[in-house]
C-alpha cells in the first residue's frame, strides 16, 4: 500500500562508497521512488550529491548551500529537487 510518503537516505555520515551501496540496496528493496539528503556544509556532501546524480536518484533533498549545479544535473535526468 503506497500512501504518498517518500523515504530519504541521510548521506551526511556516509562516504561516497557507502552512499552508492545504500542507494543500490534501496533499489533492491523497493521499486518506489526515494530520495537522498545532501547537506552541503557537511564534509563529503559534494561527492555524495554526485553519487546521487550518477545513480539517478529520483529526489535530492539539498540544504545549507548553493545547489544550482545539482538542480541542473538532476533535472537533466528528470529527477526532482527539494
N, C-alpha and C. Protein backbone atom coordinates (compact mmCIF):
# COMPACT_ATOMS: atom_id res chain seq x y z
N UNK A 1 0.85 -1.18 0.00
CA UNK A 1 0.00 0.00 0.00
C UNK A 1 0.89 1.23 0.00
N UNK A 2 0.75 2.05 -0.99
CA UNK A 2 1.54 3.28 -1.09
C UNK A 2 0.62 4.45 -0.75
N UNK A 3 0.97 5.19 0.32
CA UNK A 3 0.08 6.25 0.79
C UNK A 3 0.66 7.65 0.58
N UNK A 4 1.66 7.77 -0.27
CA UNK A 4 2.15 9.10 -0.62
C UNK A 4 3.38 9.56 0.11
N UNK A 5 3.97 8.77 0.99
CA UNK A 5 5.21 9.16 1.66
C UNK A 5 6.42 8.84 0.79
N UNK A 6 7.56 9.37 1.20
CA UNK A 6 8.80 9.04 0.49
C UNK A 6 9.91 8.90 1.52
N UNK A 7 10.75 7.90 1.33
CA UNK A 7 11.90 7.70 2.20
C UNK A 7 13.10 8.48 1.68
N UNK A 8 13.86 9.06 2.61
CA UNK A 8 15.05 9.82 2.23
C UNK A 8 16.24 9.29 3.03
N UNK A 9 17.27 8.89 2.31
CA UNK A 9 18.52 8.42 2.90
C UNK A 9 19.36 9.62 3.32
N UNK A 10 19.73 9.68 4.59
CA UNK A 10 20.61 10.74 5.09
C UNK A 10 22.05 10.37 4.72
N UNK A 11 22.69 11.16 3.86
CA UNK A 11 24.04 10.83 3.40
C UNK A 11 25.13 11.51 4.21
N UNK A 12 24.77 12.39 5.13
CA UNK A 12 25.77 13.13 5.90
C UNK A 12 26.87 12.29 6.51
N UNK A 13 26.53 11.19 7.19
CA UNK A 13 27.58 10.39 7.82
C UNK A 13 28.21 9.35 6.89
N UNK A 14 27.78 9.30 5.64
CA UNK A 14 28.23 8.24 4.73
C UNK A 14 29.35 8.70 3.81
N UNK A 15 30.25 7.79 3.52
CA UNK A 15 31.26 8.02 2.48
C UNK A 15 30.59 7.87 1.12
N UNK A 16 31.21 8.33 0.05
CA UNK A 16 30.63 8.11 -1.28
C UNK A 16 30.37 6.63 -1.59
N UNK A 17 31.28 5.77 -1.18
CA UNK A 17 31.09 4.34 -1.40
C UNK A 17 29.88 3.83 -0.64
N UNK A 18 29.74 4.24 0.61
CA UNK A 18 28.58 3.83 1.42
C UNK A 18 27.29 4.38 0.84
N UNK A 19 27.34 5.61 0.32
CA UNK A 19 26.15 6.21 -0.30
C UNK A 19 25.72 5.40 -1.51
N UNK A 20 26.67 5.06 -2.38
CA UNK A 20 26.33 4.27 -3.58
C UNK A 20 25.77 2.90 -3.18
N UNK A 21 26.42 2.24 -2.23
CA UNK A 21 25.95 0.93 -1.79
C UNK A 21 24.55 1.01 -1.19
N UNK A 22 24.28 2.06 -0.42
CA UNK A 22 22.96 2.24 0.18
C UNK A 22 21.89 2.48 -0.87
N UNK A 23 22.20 3.30 -1.87
CA UNK A 23 21.25 3.56 -2.96
C UNK A 23 20.93 2.25 -3.69
N UNK A 24 21.96 1.48 -3.98
CA UNK A 24 21.75 0.21 -4.68
C UNK A 24 20.94 -0.76 -3.84
N UNK A 25 21.17 -0.76 -2.54
CA UNK A 25 20.40 -1.63 -1.62
C UNK A 25 18.93 -1.21 -1.57
N UNK A 26 18.69 0.10 -1.50
CA UNK A 26 17.31 0.60 -1.50
C UNK A 26 16.59 0.15 -2.77
N UNK A 27 17.28 0.22 -3.89
CA UNK A 27 16.66 -0.19 -5.17
C UNK A 27 16.30 -1.68 -5.17
N UNK A 28 17.08 -2.48 -4.45
CA UNK A 28 16.77 -3.92 -4.36
C UNK A 28 15.57 -4.17 -3.46
N UNK A 29 15.35 -3.26 -2.51
CA UNK A 29 14.28 -3.44 -1.52
C UNK A 29 12.93 -2.88 -1.97
N UNK A 30 12.94 -1.91 -2.91
CA UNK A 30 11.68 -1.29 -3.30
C UNK A 30 11.75 -0.80 -4.75
N UNK A 31 10.60 -0.75 -5.36
CA UNK A 31 10.50 -0.14 -6.69
C UNK A 31 9.85 1.25 -6.60
N UNK A 32 9.65 1.71 -5.38
CA UNK A 32 9.03 3.02 -5.15
C UNK A 32 10.09 4.13 -5.22
N UNK A 33 9.67 5.36 -5.52
CA UNK A 33 10.61 6.48 -5.52
C UNK A 33 11.18 6.71 -4.12
N UNK A 34 12.38 7.25 -4.07
CA UNK A 34 13.05 7.58 -2.81
C UNK A 34 13.99 8.74 -3.07
N UNK A 35 14.57 9.25 -2.02
CA UNK A 35 15.49 10.37 -2.18
C UNK A 35 16.71 10.21 -1.29
N UNK A 36 17.65 11.13 -1.49
CA UNK A 36 18.79 11.24 -0.59
C UNK A 36 18.85 12.67 -0.09
N UNK A 37 19.31 12.82 1.14
CA UNK A 37 19.51 14.14 1.72
C UNK A 37 20.97 14.53 1.60
N UNK A 38 21.22 15.74 1.13
CA UNK A 38 22.57 16.25 0.97
C UNK A 38 22.66 17.61 1.66
N UNK A 39 23.36 17.65 2.77
CA UNK A 39 23.60 18.90 3.50
C UNK A 39 24.96 19.42 3.06
N UNK A 40 24.96 20.45 2.24
CA UNK A 40 26.17 20.87 1.56
C UNK A 40 27.29 21.36 2.47
N UNK A 41 26.98 21.70 3.71
CA UNK A 41 28.04 22.11 4.63
C UNK A 41 28.80 20.93 5.23
N UNK A 42 28.28 19.72 5.03
CA UNK A 42 28.92 18.53 5.60
C UNK A 42 30.10 18.10 4.73
N UNK A 43 31.15 17.57 5.36
CA UNK A 43 32.26 17.02 4.57
C UNK A 43 31.77 15.89 3.68
N UNK A 44 32.22 15.88 2.45
CA UNK A 44 31.85 14.82 1.51
C UNK A 44 30.51 15.01 0.84
N UNK A 45 29.81 16.11 1.12
CA UNK A 45 28.47 16.31 0.57
C UNK A 45 28.48 16.42 -0.95
N UNK A 46 29.44 17.14 -1.50
CA UNK A 46 29.50 17.29 -2.96
C UNK A 46 29.67 15.92 -3.62
N UNK A 47 30.55 15.11 -3.06
CA UNK A 47 30.79 13.78 -3.60
C UNK A 47 29.53 12.91 -3.51
N UNK A 48 28.81 13.00 -2.38
CA UNK A 48 27.58 12.24 -2.24
C UNK A 48 26.50 12.72 -3.19
N UNK A 49 26.44 14.03 -3.42
CA UNK A 49 25.48 14.55 -4.41
C UNK A 49 25.79 13.99 -5.79
N UNK A 50 27.07 13.95 -6.14
CA UNK A 50 27.46 13.41 -7.45
C UNK A 50 27.10 11.93 -7.57
N UNK A 51 27.24 11.18 -6.48
CA UNK A 51 26.82 9.77 -6.50
C UNK A 51 25.31 9.68 -6.75
N UNK A 52 24.53 10.52 -6.06
CA UNK A 52 23.09 10.54 -6.27
C UNK A 52 22.73 10.85 -7.72
N UNK A 53 23.48 11.77 -8.30
CA UNK A 53 23.25 12.13 -9.71
C UNK A 53 23.63 10.97 -10.63
N UNK A 54 24.79 10.38 -10.41
CA UNK A 54 25.22 9.23 -11.22
C UNK A 54 24.22 8.09 -11.14
N UNK A 55 23.68 7.87 -9.95
CA UNK A 55 22.71 6.79 -9.74
C UNK A 55 21.29 7.20 -10.13
N UNK A 56 21.12 8.44 -10.54
CA UNK A 56 19.82 8.99 -10.95
C UNK A 56 18.74 8.75 -9.89
N UNK A 57 19.07 9.13 -8.67
CA UNK A 57 18.11 9.07 -7.57
C UNK A 57 16.95 10.02 -7.90
N UNK A 58 15.71 9.58 -7.71
CA UNK A 58 14.55 10.38 -8.10
C UNK A 58 14.42 11.74 -7.41
N UNK A 59 14.89 11.85 -6.15
CA UNK A 59 14.73 13.09 -5.39
C UNK A 59 16.01 13.38 -4.61
N UNK A 60 16.53 14.58 -4.73
CA UNK A 60 17.62 15.03 -3.88
C UNK A 60 17.11 16.17 -3.02
N UNK A 61 17.20 15.98 -1.70
CA UNK A 61 16.81 16.99 -0.73
C UNK A 61 18.10 17.73 -0.33
N UNK A 62 18.28 18.94 -0.84
CA UNK A 62 19.53 19.68 -0.67
C UNK A 62 19.32 20.82 0.31
N UNK A 63 20.28 20.99 1.23
CA UNK A 63 20.17 22.07 2.21
C UNK A 63 21.54 22.68 2.49
N UNK A 64 21.49 23.90 3.04
CA UNK A 64 22.66 24.62 3.55
C UNK A 64 23.79 24.78 2.53
N UNK A 65 23.42 25.29 1.37
CA UNK A 65 24.44 25.58 0.36
C UNK A 65 23.82 25.91 -0.98
N UNK A 66 24.66 26.36 -1.88
CA UNK A 66 24.23 26.71 -3.24
C UNK A 66 24.10 25.43 -4.06
N UNK A 67 22.91 25.19 -4.57
CA UNK A 67 22.64 23.90 -5.22
C UNK A 67 22.27 24.01 -6.69
N UNK A 68 22.55 25.14 -7.32
CA UNK A 68 22.17 25.30 -8.73
C UNK A 68 22.76 24.20 -9.61
N UNK A 69 24.03 23.88 -9.38
CA UNK A 69 24.69 22.86 -10.21
C UNK A 69 24.06 21.49 -10.00
N UNK A 70 23.59 21.22 -8.79
CA UNK A 70 22.93 19.94 -8.51
C UNK A 70 21.57 19.91 -9.20
N UNK A 71 20.80 20.98 -9.03
CA UNK A 71 19.46 21.03 -9.62
C UNK A 71 19.51 20.85 -11.13
N UNK A 72 20.46 21.49 -11.78
CA UNK A 72 20.58 21.38 -13.24
C UNK A 72 20.81 19.93 -13.66
N UNK A 73 21.72 19.26 -12.99
CA UNK A 73 22.05 17.88 -13.35
C UNK A 73 20.90 16.92 -13.02
N UNK A 74 20.25 17.14 -11.89
CA UNK A 74 19.11 16.28 -11.50
C UNK A 74 17.97 16.47 -12.48
N UNK A 75 17.69 17.69 -12.85
CA UNK A 75 16.61 17.95 -13.81
C UNK A 75 16.92 17.36 -15.18
N UNK A 76 18.21 17.26 -15.54
CA UNK A 76 18.60 16.66 -16.82
C UNK A 76 18.09 15.24 -16.97
N UNK A 77 18.02 14.47 -15.87
CA UNK A 77 17.51 13.08 -15.98
C UNK A 77 16.07 12.95 -15.48
N UNK A 78 15.42 14.08 -15.20
CA UNK A 78 14.02 14.04 -14.82
C UNK A 78 13.78 13.90 -13.32
N UNK A 79 14.85 14.04 -12.52
CA UNK A 79 14.71 13.98 -11.07
C UNK A 79 14.17 15.28 -10.50
N UNK A 80 13.91 15.27 -9.21
CA UNK A 80 13.36 16.43 -8.50
C UNK A 80 14.30 16.88 -7.41
N UNK A 81 14.22 18.18 -7.10
CA UNK A 81 14.99 18.79 -6.01
C UNK A 81 14.02 19.30 -4.96
N UNK A 82 14.38 19.07 -3.71
CA UNK A 82 13.57 19.59 -2.61
C UNK A 82 14.48 20.47 -1.78
